Amino acid sequence: MTERREPRLRFLSEADCEGLHEATLQLLARLGVRFLPEAAVSVFREAGFEVADSVL
């Protein structure tokens, strides 16, 4: 198993990373994600995800 190393350069603070993550989750919750292949949509639906009817 490969040991995970910390990066030598950090462009964002830990707080910045957390804020970016939270904003991303809010955006995904509000807008959602579009999966066009019906097979993918079926897998998500069967797994219990909330799936809206496709709108193209």
PDB file of N, CA and C in Angstrom:
ATOM      1  N   MET A   1       0.839  -1.183   0.000  1.00  0.00           N
ATOM      2  CA  MET A   1       0.000   0.000   0.000  1.00  0.00           C
ATOM      3  C   MET A   1       0.881   1.243   0.000  1.00  0.00           C
ATOM      4  N   THR A   2       0.523   2.228  -0.801  1.00  0.00           N
ATOM      5  CA  THR A   2       1.307   3.442  -0.930  1.00  0.00           C
ATOM      6  C   THR A   2       0.989   4.407   0.201  1.00  0.00           C
ATOM      7  N   GLU A   3       2.036   4.972   0.776  1.00  0.00           N
ATOM      8  CA  GLU A   3       1.851   5.949   1.848  1.00  0.00           C
ATOM      9  C   GLU A   3       1.472   7.297   1.245  1.00  0.00           C
ATOM     10  N   ARG A   4       0.465   7.916   1.800  1.00  0.00           N
ATOM     11  CA  ARG A   4       0.011   9.216   1.299  1.00  0.00           C
ATOM     12  C   ARG A   4       0.864  10.315   1.914  1.00  0.00           C
ATOM     13  N   ARG A   5       1.387  11.182   1.072  1.00  0.00           N
ATOM     14  CA  ARG A   5       2.215  12.292   1.532  1.00  0.00           C
ATOM     15  C   ARG A   5       1.441  13.590   1.485  1.00  0.00           C
ATOM     16  N   GLU A   6       1.766  14.490   2.391  1.00  0.00           N
ATOM     17  CA  GLU A   6       1.191  15.828   2.379  1.00  0.00           C
ATOM     18  C   GLU A   6       1.868  16.628   1.267  1.00  0.00           C
ATOM     19  N   PRO A   7       1.112  17.449   0.562  1.00  0.00           N
ATOM     20  CA  PRO A   7       1.731  18.267  -0.489  1.00  0.00           C
ATOM     21  C   PRO A   7       2.692  19.288   0.106  1.00  0.00           C
ATOM     22  N   ARG A   8       3.709  19.630  -0.638  1.00  0.00           N
ATOM     23  CA  ARG A   8       4.684  20.612  -0.161  1.00  0.00           C
ATOM     24  C   ARG A   8       4.152  22.039  -0.269  1.00  0.00           C
ATOM     25  N   LEU A   9       3.322  22.285  -1.265  1.00  0.00           N
ATOM     26  CA  LEU A   9       2.726  23.604  -1.448  1.00  0.00           C
ATOM     27  C   LEU A   9       1.255  23.552  -1.082  1.00  0.00           C
ATOM     28  N   ARG A  10       0.782  24.576  -0.411  1.00  0.00           N
ATOM     29  CA  ARG A  10      -0.631  24.654  -0.084  1.00  0.00           C
ATOM     30  C   ARG A  10      -1.136  25.994  -0.590  1.00  0.00           C
ATOM     31  N   PHE A  11      -2.075  25.926  -1.530  1.00  0.00           N
ATOM     32  CA  PHE A  11      -2.625  27.147  -2.108  1.00  0.00           C
ATOM     33  C   PHE A  11      -3.854  27.619  -1.345  1.00  0.00           C
ATOM     34  N   LEU A  12      -4.519  26.706  -0.661  1.00  0.00           N
ATOM     35  CA  LEU A  12      -5.702  27.040   0.129  1.00  0.00           C
ATOM     36  C   LEU A  12      -5.501  26.580   1.556  1.00  0.00           C
ATOM     37  N   SER A  13      -6.015  27.355   2.479  1.00  0.00           N
ATOM     38  CA  SER A  13      -5.965  26.946   3.881  1.00  0.00           C
ATOM     39  C   SER A  13      -6.993  25.838   4.107  1.00  0.00           C
ATOM     40  N   GLU A  14      -6.912  25.193   5.238  1.00  0.00           N
ATOM     41  CA  GLU A  14      -7.889  24.157   5.579  1.00  0.00           C
ATOM     42  C   GLU A  14      -9.296  24.744   5.619  1.00  0.00           C
ATOM     43  N   ALA A  15      -9.429  25.950   6.158  1.00  0.00           N
ATOM     44  CA  ALA A  15     -10.735  26.621   6.217  1.00  0.00           C
ATOM     45  C   ALA A  15     -11.243  26.939   4.810  1.00  0.00           C
ATOM     46  N   ASP A  16     -10.341  27.361   3.921  1.00  0.00           N
ATOM     47  CA  ASP A  16     -10.735  27.630   2.538  1.00  0.00           C
ATOM     48  C   ASP A  16     -11.226  26.355   1.861  1.00  0.00           C
ATOM     49  N   CYS A  17     -10.529  25.257   2.080  1.00  0.00           N
ATOM     50  CA  CYS A  17     -10.933  23.970   1.487  1.00  0.00           C
ATOM     51  C   CYS A  17     -12.308  23.552   1.998  1.00  0.00           C
ATOM     52  N   GLU A  18     -12.538  23.713   3.296  1.00  0.00           N
ATOM     53  CA  GLU A  18     -13.837  23.361   3.872  1.00  0.00           C
ATOM     54  C   GLU A  18     -14.943  24.247   3.303  1.00  0.00           C
ATOM     55  N   GLY A  19     -14.666  25.543   3.156  1.00  0.00           N
ATOM     56  CA  GLY A  19     -15.650  26.463   2.587  1.00  0.00           C
ATOM     57  C   GLY A  19     -15.970  26.114   1.144  1.00  0.00           C
ATOM     58  N   LEU A  20     -14.961  25.768   0.374  1.00  0.00           N
ATOM     59  CA  LEU A  20     -15.158  25.364  -1.016  1.00  0.00           C
ATOM     60  C   LEU A  20     -15.987  24.090  -1.092  1.00  0.00           C
ATOM     61  N   HIS A  21     -15.693  23.149  -0.208  1.00  0.00           N
ATOM     62  CA  HIS A  21     -16.449  21.891  -0.170  1.00  0.00           C
ATOM     63  C   HIS A  21     -17.920  22.151   0.162  1.00  0.00           C
ATOM     64  N   GLU A  22     -18.179  22.967   1.164  1.00  0.00           N
ATOM     65  CA  GLU A  22     -19.560  23.280   1.550  1.00  0.00           C
ATOM     66  C   GLU A  22     -20.309  23.978   0.415  1.00  0.00           C
ATOM     67  N   ALA A  23     -19.648  24.922  -0.233  1.00  0.00           N
ATOM     68  CA  ALA A  23     -20.290  25.633  -1.343  1.00  0.00           C
ATOM     69  C   ALA A  23     -20.605  24.673  -2.488  1.00  0.00           C
ATOM     70  N   THR A  24     -19.711  23.727  -2.740  1.00  0.00           N
ATOM     71  CA  THR A  24     -19.935  22.734  -3.790  1.00  0.00           C
ATOM     72  C   THR A  24     -21.136  21.865  -3.462  1.00  0.00           C
ATOM     73  N   LEU A  25     -21.246  21.420  -2.210  1.00  0.00           N
ATOM     74  CA  LEU A  25     -22.386  20.598  -1.804  1.00  0.00           C
ATOM     75  C   LEU A  25     -23.699  21.365  -1.942  1.00  0.00           C
ATOM     76  N   GLN A  26     -23.699  22.650  -1.578  1.00  0.00           N
ATOM     77  CA  GLN A  26     -24.909  23.473  -1.714  1.00  0.00           C
ATOM     78  C   GLN A  26     -25.295  23.626  -3.178  1.00  0.00           C
ATOM     79  N   LEU A  27     -24.319  23.851  -4.023  1.00  0.00           N
ATOM     80  CA  LEU A  27     -24.583  24.001  -5.450  1.00  0.00           C
ATOM     81  C   LEU A  27     -25.156  22.717  -6.039  1.00  0.00           C
ATOM     82  N   LEU A  28     -24.558  21.577  -5.695  1.00  0.00           N
ATOM     83  CA  LEU A  28     -25.059  20.294  -6.195  1.00  0.00           C
ATOM     84  C   LEU A  28     -26.467  19.997  -5.673  1.00  0.00           C
ATOM     85  N   ALA A  29     -26.721  20.354  -4.429  1.00  0.00           N
ATOM     86  CA  ALA A  29     -28.050  20.116  -3.858  1.00  0.00           C
ATOM     87  C   ALA A  29     -29.104  20.975  -4.555  1.00  0.00           C
ATOM     88  N   ARG A  30     -28.739  22.204  -4.916  1.00  0.00           N
ATOM     89  CA  ARG A  30     -29.687  23.112  -5.553  1.00  0.00           C
ATOM     90  C   ARG A  30     -29.891  22.794  -7.041  1.00  0.00           C
ATOM     91  N   LEU A  31     -28.811  22.507  -7.747  1.00  0.00           N
ATOM     92  CA  LEU A  31     -28.899  22.314  -9.192  1.00  0.00           C
ATOM     93  C   LEU A  31     -28.939  20.855  -9.623  1.00  0.00           C
ATOM     94  N   GLY A  32     -28.331  19.989  -8.846  1.00  0.00           N
ATOM     95  CA  GLY A  32     -28.299  18.578  -9.199  1.00  0.00           C
ATOM     96  C   GLY A  32     -27.236  18.266 -10.241  1.00  0.00           C
ATOM     97  N   VAL A  33     -27.288  17.049 -10.740  1.00  0.00           N
ATOM     98  CA  VAL A  33     -26.352  16.572 -11.746  1.00  0.00           C
ATOM     99  C   VAL A  33     -27.155  15.851 -12.809  1.00  0.00           C
ATOM    100  N   ARG A  34     -26.810  16.042 -14.069  1.00  0.00           N
ATOM    101  CA  ARG A  34     -27.534  15.381 -15.155  1.00  0.00           C
ATOM    102  C   ARG A  34     -26.710  14.196 -15.659  1.00  0.00           C
ATOM    103  N   PHE A  35     -27.318  13.022 -15.647  1.00  0.00           N
ATOM    104  CA  PHE A  35     -26.737  11.816 -16.228  1.00  0.00           C
ATOM    105  C   PHE A  35     -27.620  11.426 -17.391  1.00  0.00           C
ATOM    106  N   LEU A  36     -27.081  11.449 -18.577  1.00  0.00           N
ATOM    107  CA  LEU A  36     -27.889  11.176 -19.757  1.00  0.00           C
ATOM    108  C   LEU A  36     -28.155   9.691 -20.005  1.00  0.00           C
ATOM    109  N   PRO A  37     -27.181   8.801 -19.819  1.00  0.00           N
ATOM    110  CA  PRO A  37     -27.476   7.392 -20.103  1.00  0.00           C
ATOM    111  C   PRO A  37     -28.547   6.860 -19.141  1.00  0.00           C
ATOM    112  N   GLU A  38     -29.624   6.331 -19.697  1.00  0.00           N
ATOM    113  CA  GLU A  38     -30.717   5.816 -18.865  1.00  0.00           C
ATOM    114  C   GLU A  38     -30.227   4.717 -17.941  1.00  0.00           C
ATOM    115  N   ALA A  39     -29.215   3.950 -18.372  1.00  0.00           N
ATOM    116  CA  ALA A  39     -28.672   2.894 -17.515  1.00  0.00           C
ATOM    117  C   ALA A  39     -28.111   3.475 -16.217  1.00  0.00           C
ATOM    118  N   ALA A  40     -27.431   4.610 -16.302  1.00  0.00           N
ATOM    119  CA  ALA A  40     -26.885   5.251 -15.105  1.00  0.00           C
ATOM    120  C   ALA A  40     -28.012   5.736 -14.208  1.00  0.00           C
ATOM    121  N   VAL A  41     -29.023   6.343 -14.799  1.00  0.00           N
ATOM    122  CA  VAL A  41     -30.166   6.833 -14.028  1.00  0.00           C
ATOM    123  C   VAL A  41     -30.854   5.681 -13.309  1.00  0.00           C
ATOM    124  N   SER A  42     -30.995   4.558 -13.975  1.00  0.00           N
ATOM    125  CA  SER A  42     -31.633   3.381 -13.365  1.00  0.00           C
ATOM    126  C   SER A  42     -30.844   2.881 -12.169  1.00  0.00           C
ATOM    127  N   VAL A  43     -29.522   2.863 -12.292  1.00  0.00           N
ATOM    128  CA  VAL A  43     -28.677   2.409 -11.182  1.00  0.00           C
ATOM    129  C   VAL A  43     -28.873   3.316  -9.975  1.00  0.00           C
ATOM    130  N   PHE A  44     -28.879   4.622 -10.200  1.00  0.00           N
ATOM    131  CA  PHE A  44     -29.073   5.556  -9.096  1.00  0.00           C
ATOM    132  C   PHE A  44     -30.455   5.406  -8.476  1.00  0.00           C
ATOM    133  N   ARG A  45     -31.475   5.277  -9.303  1.00  0.00           N
ATOM    134  CA  ARG A  45     -32.844   5.125  -8.802  1.00  0.00           C
ATOM    135  C   ARG A  45     -32.959   3.869  -7.934  1.00  0.00           C
ATOM    136  N   GLU A  46     -32.410   2.751  -8.415  1.00  0.00           N
ATOM    137  CA  GLU A  46     -32.470   1.485  -7.675  1.00  0.00           C
ATOM    138  C   GLU A  46     -31.680   1.548  -6.370  1.00  0.00           C
ATOM    139  N   ALA A  47     -30.658   2.407  -6.322  1.00  0.00           N
ATOM    140  CA  ALA A  47     -29.852   2.561  -5.108  1.00  0.00           C
ATOM    141  C   ALA A  47     -30.511   3.494  -4.097  1.00  0.00           C
ATOM    142  N   GLY A  48     -31.663   4.085  -4.474  1.00  0.00           N
ATOM    143  CA  GLY A  48     -32.389   4.931  -3.534  1.00  0.00           C
ATOM    144  C   GLY A  48     -32.137   6.419  -3.676  1.00  0.00           C
ATOM    145  N   PHE A  49     -31.416   6.826  -4.717  1.00  0.00           N
ATOM    146  CA  PHE A  49     -31.193   8.249  -4.949  1.00  0.00           C
ATOM    147  C   PHE A  49     -32.482   8.910  -5.425  1.00  0.00           C
ATOM    148  N   GLU A  50     -32.621  10.195  -5.133  1.00  0.00           N
ATOM    149  CA  GLU A  50     -33.742  10.960  -5.662  1.00  0.00           C
ATOM    150  C   GLU A  50     -33.442  11.274  -7.113  1.00  0.00           C
ATOM    151  N   VAL A  51     -34.281  10.787  -8.015  1.00  0.00           N
ATOM    152  CA  VAL A  51     -34.049  10.955  -9.446  1.00  0.00           C
ATOM    153  C   VAL A  51     -35.240  11.656 -10.066  1.00  0.00           C
ATOM    154  N   ALA A  52     -34.984  12.787 -10.699  1.00  0.00           N
ATOM    155  CA  ALA A  52     -36.046  13.521 -11.404  1.00  0.00           C
ATOM    156  C   ALA A  52     -36.095  13.025 -12.840  1.00  0.00           C
ATOM    157  N   ASP A  53     -37.245  13.195 -13.469  1.00  0.00           N
ATOM    158  CA  ASP A  53     -37.369  12.831 -14.881  1.00  0.00           C
ATOM    159  C   ASP A  53     -36.426  13.694 -15.703  1.00  0.00           C
ATOM    160  N   SER A  54     -35.810  13.094 -16.711  1.00  0.00           N
ATOM    161  CA  SER A  54     -34.856  13.808 -17.558  1.00  0.00           C
ATOM    162  C   SER A  54     -35.559  14.885 -18.356  1.00  0.00           C
ATOM    163  N   VAL A  55     -34.899  16.018 -18.462  1.00  0.00           N
ATOM    164  CA  VAL A  55     -35.393  17.126 -19.263  1.00  0.00           C
ATOM    165  C   VAL A  55     -34.243  17.518 -20.188  1.00  0.00           C
ATOM    166  N   LEU A  56     -34.462  17.383 -21.491  1.00  0.00           N
ATOM    167  CA  LEU A  56     -33.413  17.743 -22.456  1.00  0.00           C
ATOM    168  C   LEU A  56     -33.744  19.011 -23.167  1.00  0.00           C
TER     169      LEU A  56
END
